[in-house]
Protein backbone atom coordinates (compact mmCIF):
# COMPACT_ATOMS: atom_id res chain seq x y z
CA MET A 1 0.00 0.00 0.00
CA ASN A 2 1.25 3.50 -0.81
CA LYS A 3 2.50 5.05 2.47
CA ASN A 4 2.03 8.60 1.18
CA LEU A 5 -1.60 7.89 0.33
CA VAL A 6 -2.23 6.41 3.78
CA ARG A 7 -0.49 9.36 5.44
CA ARG A 8 -2.48 11.92 3.43
CA ALA A 9 -5.74 10.13 4.26
CA ALA A 10 -4.88 10.08 7.98
CA ILE A 11 -4.09 13.80 7.90
CA ALA A 12 -7.33 14.54 6.04
CA PHE A 13 -9.42 12.54 8.52
CA ALA A 14 -7.69 14.21 11.46
CA ALA A 15 -8.33 17.64 9.94
CA MET A 16 -12.00 16.80 9.44
CA GLY A 17 -12.23 15.81 13.09
CA LEU A 18 -10.74 19.16 14.08
CA LEU A 19 -13.35 20.91 11.94
CA GLY A 20 -16.22 19.06 13.58
CA LEU A 21 -16.95 16.81 10.62
CA THR A 22 -16.63 13.48 12.38
CA GLY A 23 -20.41 13.00 12.29
CA ILE A 24 -20.09 12.29 8.58
CA LEU A 25 -17.52 9.58 9.15
CA THR A 26 -19.02 7.82 12.14
CA ALA A 27 -22.43 6.62 13.21
CA PRO A 28 -24.31 9.07 15.39
CA SER A 29 -23.68 8.65 19.07
CA ALA A 30 -27.18 9.59 20.22
CA ASN A 31 -27.82 8.63 23.80
CA ALA A 32 -29.65 5.30 23.84
CA SER A 33 -32.32 6.79 26.10
CA GLN A 34 -33.07 9.38 23.40
CA VAL A 35 -33.91 6.83 20.70
CA ASN A 36 -37.69 6.48 20.18
CA ALA A 37 -38.32 9.27 22.71
CA LEU A 38 -41.08 11.67 21.67
CA ALA A 39 -40.72 15.40 22.17
CA THR A 40 -42.52 18.51 21.02
CA CYS A 41 -41.20 21.88 19.97
CA ASN A 42 -41.57 24.46 17.24
CA ALA A 43 -39.94 23.94 13.86
CA THR A 44 -38.98 26.53 11.29
CA TRP A 45 -37.45 26.24 7.84
CA TYR A 46 -34.47 27.65 6.03
CA GLY A 47 -33.18 27.63 2.49
CA ALA A 48 -35.39 30.13 0.72
CA GLU A 49 -34.31 30.55 -2.86
CA GLY A 50 -31.10 32.58 -2.87
CA GLU A 51 -30.70 32.53 0.93
CA ILE A 52 -27.92 29.92 1.06
CA PRO A 53 -25.92 28.90 -2.00
CA GLU A 54 -26.45 25.28 -3.08
CA GLY A 55 -23.42 23.27 -2.04
CA TRP A 56 -22.47 25.66 0.79
CA PRO A 57 -21.04 23.55 3.64
CA THR A 58 -23.37 22.89 6.55
CA ALA A 59 -21.98 22.60 10.09
CA SER A 60 -21.37 18.89 9.45
CA GLY A 61 -19.45 19.69 6.26
CA GLU A 62 -22.15 18.14 4.08
CA PRO A 63 -23.07 20.37 1.11
CA PHE A 64 -26.32 22.29 1.62
CA SER A 65 -29.31 21.52 -0.60
CA ARG A 66 -32.60 23.29 0.02
CA TRP A 67 -34.45 20.22 -1.35
CA ALA A 68 -32.70 17.63 0.85
CA LEU A 69 -34.57 16.09 3.77
CA LYS A 70 -32.26 17.55 6.40
CA ALA A 71 -32.51 19.61 9.58
CA ALA A 72 -30.52 21.67 12.04
CA HIS A 73 -30.61 20.95 15.78
CA ASN A 74 -28.47 22.44 18.54
CA SER A 75 -27.25 19.23 20.14
CA LEU A 76 -28.24 16.01 18.35
CA PRO A 77 -25.26 14.31 16.71
CA PHE A 78 -24.82 14.76 12.98
CA GLY A 79 -26.34 11.82 11.15
CA THR A 80 -29.17 11.35 13.66
CA ARG A 81 -32.43 10.43 11.92
CA VAL A 82 -35.53 12.18 13.24
CA LYS A 83 -39.19 11.68 12.36
CA VAL A 84 -40.96 15.05 12.44
CA THR A 85 -44.78 15.14 12.51
CA TYR A 86 -47.20 18.04 12.03
CA GLN A 87 -50.96 17.53 11.88
CA GLY A 88 -50.65 13.87 10.92
CA ARG A 89 -48.05 14.42 8.17
CA SER A 90 -44.51 13.17 8.79
CA VAL A 91 -41.09 13.49 7.24
CA ILE A 92 -37.86 11.76 8.22
CA VAL A 93 -34.86 14.07 8.26
CA THR A 94 -31.17 13.71 9.00
CA ILE A 95 -29.46 16.19 11.31
CA ASN A 96 -26.59 17.79 9.41
CA ASP A 97 -26.53 21.38 10.67
CA ARG A 98 -26.64 23.54 13.79
CA GLY A 99 -28.77 26.56 14.44
CA GLY A 100 -29.19 29.47 16.78
CA PHE A 101 -32.67 28.82 18.09
CA GLY A 102 -34.54 30.73 20.70
CA GLY A 103 -37.56 30.00 22.85
CA SER A 104 -39.37 26.75 22.07
CA THR A 105 -37.90 26.31 18.57
CA CYS A 106 -35.61 23.29 18.37
CA LEU A 107 -35.61 22.21 14.72
CA ASP A 108 -34.81 24.11 11.56
CA LEU A 109 -35.90 22.03 8.58
CA THR A 110 -34.69 22.53 5.04
CA TYR A 111 -37.28 23.94 2.68
CA GLY A 112 -37.61 20.53 1.03
CA ALA A 113 -38.36 18.83 4.34
CA PHE A 114 -40.75 21.53 5.59
CA ILE A 115 -42.94 21.44 2.48
CA GLN A 116 -43.46 17.69 3.02
CA ILE A 117 -45.49 18.46 6.15
CA ALA A 118 -46.67 22.09 5.97
CA ASN A 119 -47.09 25.21 3.88
CA PRO A 120 -43.88 27.27 4.14
CA ASP A 121 -46.00 30.43 4.48
CA LEU A 122 -46.71 29.28 8.05
CA GLY A 123 -43.06 29.88 8.94
CA VAL A 124 -43.14 28.26 12.38
CA ILE A 125 -45.13 25.14 13.27
CA PRO A 126 -45.56 23.05 16.42
CA VAL A 127 -44.21 19.56 15.78
CA GLN A 128 -43.74 16.28 17.52
CA TYR A 129 -40.46 14.57 16.82
CA GLU A 130 -39.02 11.15 17.46
CA ILE A 131 -35.36 10.21 17.35
CA LEU A 132 -35.14 7.08 15.23
CA TRP A 133 -31.36 6.52 15.50
């Protein structure tokens, strides 16, 4: 095996860890007591056309796409899958970003995820969410 290639890969993985990108490389380390727990909060959406450039890195390092089924949360590990429900409609999203939330808002869904469960004109909606893994 090429030692330079192995060395460069090790340096790249170490750098990604320093930049907080390890969630992409490893399975989420959600607390086992959190899995299947139900919670409620308010959810908003982000990614209006022209707001964030497509491909812009999210906090996890994953490229942003307004149509992806993704969400931002302040503390859940990157890669955590969450089922979000509003008025009987559900969408499963993956946490790949962080957000500065205030009050009872805990999830910021991408535009693509939000429109699966509600009209974006609502802006903020009360949701129930379940951590799947």
